N, C-alpha and C. Protein backbone atom coordinates (compact mmCIF):
# COMPACT_ATOMS: atom_id res chain seq x y z
N THR A 1 114.59 72.15 84.72
CA THR A 1 114.45 72.18 83.27
C THR A 1 113.02 71.81 82.91
N ALA A 2 112.42 72.59 82.08
CA ALA A 2 111.05 72.33 81.65
C ALA A 2 111.06 71.28 80.54
N GLY A 3 110.16 70.33 80.66
CA GLY A 3 110.02 69.31 79.62
C GLY A 3 108.61 69.35 79.07
N GLY A 4 108.37 68.60 78.01
CA GLY A 4 107.02 68.52 77.46
C GLY A 4 106.72 69.54 76.39
N GLY A 5 107.74 70.15 75.84
CA GLY A 5 107.53 71.10 74.74
C GLY A 5 106.94 72.41 75.22
N PRO A 6 106.22 73.09 74.35
CA PRO A 6 105.68 74.41 74.68
C PRO A 6 104.73 74.39 75.88
N VAL A 7 103.96 73.31 76.02
CA VAL A 7 103.03 73.23 77.15
C VAL A 7 103.80 73.17 78.46
N GLY A 8 104.85 72.38 78.49
CA GLY A 8 105.68 72.27 79.70
C GLY A 8 106.34 73.58 80.05
N VAL A 9 106.82 74.28 79.02
CA VAL A 9 107.46 75.58 79.26
C VAL A 9 106.44 76.58 79.80
N GLY A 10 105.24 76.59 79.23
CA GLY A 10 104.20 77.49 79.71
C GLY A 10 103.80 77.20 81.14
N THR A 11 103.69 75.91 81.48
CA THR A 11 103.34 75.53 82.85
C THR A 11 104.43 75.95 83.83
N ALA A 12 105.69 75.72 83.46
CA ALA A 12 106.80 76.11 84.33
C ALA A 12 106.85 77.62 84.50
N THR A 13 106.58 78.35 83.44
CA THR A 13 106.57 79.82 83.52
C THR A 13 105.46 80.31 84.44
N ALA A 14 104.28 79.73 84.31
CA ALA A 14 103.16 80.14 85.16
C ALA A 14 103.45 79.87 86.63
N LYS A 15 104.00 78.70 86.93
CA LYS A 15 104.34 78.37 88.33
C LYS A 15 105.38 79.34 88.87
N SER A 16 106.38 79.66 88.05
CA SER A 16 107.42 80.58 88.48
C SER A 16 106.86 81.97 88.74
N MET A 17 105.96 82.44 87.88
CA MET A 17 105.38 83.77 88.06
C MET A 17 104.52 83.83 89.32
N VAL A 18 103.75 82.79 89.59
CA VAL A 18 102.92 82.77 90.80
C VAL A 18 103.81 82.79 92.04
N LEU A 19 104.84 81.94 92.06
CA LEU A 19 105.75 81.91 93.20
C LEU A 19 106.43 83.26 93.39
N ASN A 20 106.87 83.87 92.30
CA ASN A 20 107.53 85.17 92.37
C ASN A 20 106.60 86.23 92.94
N THR A 21 105.36 86.27 92.48
CA THR A 21 104.39 87.26 92.97
C THR A 21 104.13 87.08 94.46
N VAL A 22 103.95 85.84 94.90
CA VAL A 22 103.71 85.57 96.32
C VAL A 22 104.91 85.98 97.15
N MET A 23 106.11 85.63 96.71
CA MET A 23 107.31 85.95 97.49
C MET A 23 107.55 87.45 97.56
N VAL A 24 107.30 88.18 96.48
CA VAL A 24 107.47 89.63 96.50
C VAL A 24 106.54 90.25 97.54
N HIS A 25 105.30 89.79 97.61
CA HIS A 25 104.36 90.33 98.59
C HIS A 25 104.76 89.96 100.01
N LEU A 26 105.22 88.73 100.22
CA LEU A 26 105.63 88.32 101.57
C LEU A 26 106.85 89.12 102.03
N VAL A 27 107.82 89.33 101.16
CA VAL A 27 108.99 90.12 101.53
C VAL A 27 108.59 91.56 101.81
N GLY A 28 107.66 92.10 101.03
CA GLY A 28 107.18 93.46 101.27
C GLY A 28 106.48 93.59 102.61
N MET A 29 105.65 92.61 102.95
CA MET A 29 104.96 92.64 104.25
C MET A 29 105.96 92.52 105.39
N LEU A 30 106.96 91.65 105.24
CA LEU A 30 107.98 91.49 106.28
C LEU A 30 108.77 92.79 106.46
N GLY A 31 109.14 93.42 105.34
CA GLY A 31 109.87 94.68 105.43
C GLY A 31 109.04 95.77 106.09
N THR A 32 107.75 95.82 105.80
CA THR A 32 106.87 96.80 106.44
C THR A 32 106.83 96.57 107.94
N GLN A 33 106.71 95.33 108.37
CA GLN A 33 106.68 95.03 109.80
C GLN A 33 108.01 95.39 110.47
N ILE A 34 109.12 95.14 109.79
CA ILE A 34 110.43 95.44 110.38
C ILE A 34 110.64 96.95 110.52
N PHE A 35 110.32 97.72 109.47
CA PHE A 35 110.64 99.14 109.48
C PHE A 35 109.58 100.00 110.14
N TRP A 36 108.30 99.64 110.02
CA TRP A 36 107.23 100.48 110.55
C TRP A 36 106.38 99.80 111.62
N GLY A 37 106.56 98.55 111.86
CA GLY A 37 105.74 97.85 112.84
C GLY A 37 104.32 97.69 112.35
N ALA A 38 103.37 97.72 113.26
CA ALA A 38 101.98 97.49 112.91
C ALA A 38 101.28 98.78 112.47
N ASN A 39 102.02 99.89 112.33
CA ASN A 39 101.43 101.18 111.99
C ASN A 39 102.13 101.77 110.77
N PRO A 40 101.93 101.20 109.57
CA PRO A 40 102.68 101.64 108.39
C PRO A 40 102.09 102.87 107.70
N ARG A 41 101.94 103.97 108.43
CA ARG A 41 101.39 105.19 107.84
C ARG A 41 102.52 106.01 107.21
N ALA A 42 102.30 106.49 106.01
CA ALA A 42 103.27 107.36 105.36
C ALA A 42 102.89 108.82 105.66
N PRO A 43 103.88 109.67 105.96
CA PRO A 43 103.58 111.07 106.28
C PRO A 43 103.30 111.88 105.01
N ILE A 44 102.22 111.53 104.31
CA ILE A 44 101.87 112.20 103.06
C ILE A 44 100.46 112.76 103.19
N GLY A 45 100.26 113.97 102.79
CA GLY A 45 98.92 114.55 102.77
C GLY A 45 98.50 115.20 104.08
N GLY A 46 99.44 115.62 104.90
CA GLY A 46 99.13 116.38 106.09
C GLY A 46 98.69 115.55 107.22
């Protein structure tokens, strides 16, 4: 629960957004390694 009024809510929101962005990228990198290994080339463009 965020405390401290609007400033506390803004701080909690910013921390949550940073954590969410980092976790999305880490999960994406892990998925790339699982499905494509160290060679994540897409067969696009010949």
